[in-house]
C-alpha cells in the first residue's frame, strides 16, 4: 500500500442564510444566518513541488466548478446568499425576491450543515480529481456554522 499525504485548507469569510423547512418544532425551520466556513481535506501523492494540493490552487485553477473558477464558485454560492432546498414549499416566494434583487438565491438539493458538507464535497472532489489527473482527491469536508457547530461528510 502506497503512503498517501494529506493537507487541509479552510475557506471562510462567508455569510449565508438558509432554513431547514422540514425541521418542524425547532427554530431551524425559520430563516437564519451564519458566518460559515468549511475545511477541505485533500489526499494524494506529492507533486513536483512536494505538495498534495496548492493552497492557493482554487484561485489559480485551470478547471471550473459549474463553469466558474473554484474560488469564484465559493463566493457565488456562499457569500451574502440565501440558500434554499429545491423542494422547499416556499421556493417560489424566494425566487420572486431574487428576481426583484432583494436576495441572492441559490438552490441546492437540501440544506443544513450536513447537506452543505456533502454538497461541497461532491462539487470540489469532482473538480480536484479532474484538476490533478486523479492524483489528489477530497477525503472530507467539515462545514462550520459560527465555529460552534460543524458537520463532516467524507469517505
Protein backbone atom coordinates (compact mmCIF):
# COMPACT_ATOMS: atom_id res chain seq x y z
CA UNK A 1 0.00 0.00 0.00
CA UNK A 2 1.40 3.36 -1.01
CA UNK A 3 1.64 6.10 1.59
CA UNK A 4 -0.71 8.98 0.95
CA UNK A 5 -0.18 12.52 2.11
CA UNK A 6 -2.96 14.76 3.38
CA UNK A 7 -3.36 18.51 3.62
CA UNK A 8 -6.24 20.74 4.65
CA UNK A 9 -7.45 24.17 3.63
CA UNK A 10 -10.01 26.33 5.43
CA UNK A 11 -12.29 28.54 3.38
CA UNK A 12 -14.00 31.23 5.45
CA UNK A 13 -15.46 34.71 5.46
CA UNK A 14 -18.83 33.71 4.03
CA UNK A 15 -22.23 34.87 5.30
CA UNK A 16 -25.28 32.94 4.28
CA UNK A 17 -28.93 32.48 5.23
CA UNK A 18 -30.96 29.31 4.94
CA UNK A 19 -33.72 27.34 6.56
CA UNK A 20 -34.47 23.69 7.06
CA UNK A 21 -38.12 23.59 6.17
CA UNK A 22 -38.51 20.01 7.37
CA UNK A 23 -37.35 20.90 10.91
CA UNK A 24 -40.84 21.30 12.38
CA UNK A 25 -40.81 22.15 16.06
CA UNK A 26 -37.35 23.72 16.05
CA UNK A 27 -36.08 27.19 15.30
CA UNK A 28 -34.14 25.76 12.33
CA UNK A 29 -37.36 25.85 10.28
CA UNK A 30 -37.05 29.64 10.21
CA UNK A 31 -34.68 31.67 8.07
CA UNK A 32 -31.42 32.11 9.95
CA UNK A 33 -27.92 33.09 9.00
CA UNK A 34 -24.37 32.33 9.99
CA UNK A 35 -20.83 33.25 9.28
CA UNK A 36 -19.79 29.94 7.75
CA UNK A 37 -16.54 28.22 6.90
CA UNK A 38 -15.50 24.85 5.67
CA UNK A 39 -12.34 22.80 5.89
CA UNK A 40 -11.45 20.54 3.00
CA UNK A 41 -9.08 17.60 3.45
CA UNK A 42 -7.07 16.64 0.36
CA UNK A 43 -5.25 13.33 -0.01
CA UNK A 44 -2.85 12.06 -2.62
CA UNK A 45 0.68 11.76 -3.87
CA UNK A 46 3.00 14.76 -3.81
CA UNK A 47 3.53 16.80 -6.96
CA UNK A 48 6.86 18.10 -8.28
CA UNK A 49 6.76 20.87 -5.64
CA UNK A 50 6.21 18.30 -2.87
CA UNK A 51 2.62 19.46 -2.36
CA UNK A 52 -0.56 17.45 -2.12
CA UNK A 53 -2.66 20.47 -3.01
CA UNK A 54 -1.61 24.03 -3.83
CA UNK A 55 -3.20 26.05 -1.01
CA UNK A 56 -3.82 28.87 -3.48
CA UNK A 57 -4.94 26.39 -6.11
CA UNK A 58 -8.58 27.38 -6.08
CA UNK A 59 -7.64 30.85 -7.36
CA UNK A 60 -5.16 29.60 -9.97
CA UNK A 61 -7.09 26.57 -11.18
CA UNK A 62 -7.45 25.75 -14.84
CA UNK A 63 -10.67 23.81 -14.23
CA UNK A 64 -14.04 25.09 -13.10
CA UNK A 65 -16.97 24.24 -10.88
CA UNK A 66 -20.30 24.90 -12.60
CA UNK A 67 -18.42 26.97 -15.19
CA UNK A 68 -16.70 29.22 -12.62
CA UNK A 69 -13.24 29.43 -11.15
CA UNK A 70 -13.48 27.41 -7.89
CA UNK A 71 -12.88 30.44 -5.62
CA UNK A 72 -15.45 32.45 -7.58
CA UNK A 73 -17.88 29.50 -7.24
CA UNK A 74 -17.44 29.51 -3.46
CA UNK A 75 -18.14 33.25 -3.31
CA UNK A 76 -21.12 32.85 -5.63
CA UNK A 77 -22.61 30.04 -3.54
CA UNK A 78 -21.94 31.23 0.00
CA UNK A 79 -21.15 34.96 0.19
CA UNK A 80 -24.21 37.00 1.18
CA UNK A 81 -26.60 34.46 -0.24
CA UNK A 82 -29.87 32.80 0.66
CA UNK A 83 -29.71 29.06 0.11
CA UNK A 84 -32.90 27.09 -0.28
CA UNK A 85 -33.65 23.41 -0.75
CA UNK A 86 -35.04 22.60 -4.17
CA UNK A 87 -38.12 21.05 -2.55
CA UNK A 88 -38.88 23.90 -0.14
CA UNK A 89 -42.62 24.60 -0.39
CA UNK A 90 -41.93 28.37 -0.34
CA UNK A 91 -39.22 28.32 -3.01
CA UNK A 92 -41.36 30.35 -5.43
CA UNK A 93 -41.57 33.21 -2.90
CA UNK A 94 -37.77 33.27 -2.64
CA UNK A 95 -37.42 33.12 -6.43
CA UNK A 96 -39.61 36.26 -6.61
CA UNK A 97 -37.36 38.01 -4.07
CA UNK A 98 -34.33 37.05 -6.15
CA UNK A 99 -35.95 38.38 -9.35
CA UNK A 100 -36.63 41.65 -7.51
CA UNK A 101 -32.99 41.80 -6.37
CA UNK A 102 -33.86 41.55 -2.68
CA UNK A 103 -31.74 38.43 -2.19
CA UNK A 104 -29.12 36.37 -3.99
CA UNK A 105 -30.84 33.00 -4.14
CA UNK A 106 -29.01 29.71 -4.53
CA UNK A 107 -30.99 26.47 -4.82
CA UNK A 108 -29.42 23.13 -3.92
CA UNK A 109 -30.82 19.64 -3.28
CA UNK A 110 -31.06 20.05 0.53
CA UNK A 111 -29.99 22.44 3.29
CA UNK A 112 -28.37 22.11 6.70
CA UNK A 113 -24.76 21.70 7.81
CA UNK A 114 -24.62 18.02 6.90
CA UNK A 115 -26.09 18.62 3.46
CA UNK A 116 -23.81 21.62 2.84
CA UNK A 117 -20.78 19.46 3.69
CA UNK A 118 -21.95 16.82 1.19
CA UNK A 119 -22.75 19.41 -1.48
CA UNK A 120 -19.29 20.98 -1.19
CA UNK A 121 -17.60 17.56 -1.08
CA UNK A 122 -19.34 16.42 -4.27
CA UNK A 123 -18.56 19.61 -6.19
CA UNK A 124 -14.96 20.06 -5.02
CA UNK A 125 -13.93 16.41 -5.21
CA UNK A 126 -15.03 16.18 -8.85
CA UNK A 127 -13.05 19.35 -9.61
CA UNK A 128 -9.91 18.21 -7.71
CA UNK A 129 -9.85 14.78 -9.35
CA UNK A 130 -10.03 16.39 -12.78
CA UNK A 131 -7.59 19.21 -11.93
CA UNK A 132 -4.93 16.75 -10.69
CA UNK A 133 -5.48 13.92 -13.15
CA UNK A 134 -6.72 11.73 -10.27
CA UNK A 135 -3.52 12.31 -8.23
CA UNK A 136 -5.49 14.01 -5.42
CA UNK A 137 -8.98 13.51 -4.05
CA UNK A 138 -11.03 15.13 -1.33
CA UNK A 139 -11.47 12.80 1.65
CA UNK A 140 -13.76 15.00 3.73
CA UNK A 141 -15.38 18.38 4.14
CA UNK A 142 -16.14 19.87 7.54
CA UNK A 143 -18.79 22.59 7.35
CA UNK A 144 -18.96 25.02 10.29
CA UNK A 145 -21.69 27.35 11.47
CA UNK A 146 -20.12 30.14 13.56
CA UNK A 147 -17.33 27.88 14.90
CA UNK A 148 -19.66 26.17 17.38
CA UNK A 149 -21.48 23.68 15.18
CA UNK A 150 -19.98 21.56 12.46
CA UNK A 151 -20.85 18.60 10.27
CA UNK A 152 -18.45 16.37 8.37
CA UNK A 153 -19.05 14.48 5.16
CA UNK A 154 -16.49 12.21 3.56
CA UNK A 155 -15.33 8.74 2.79
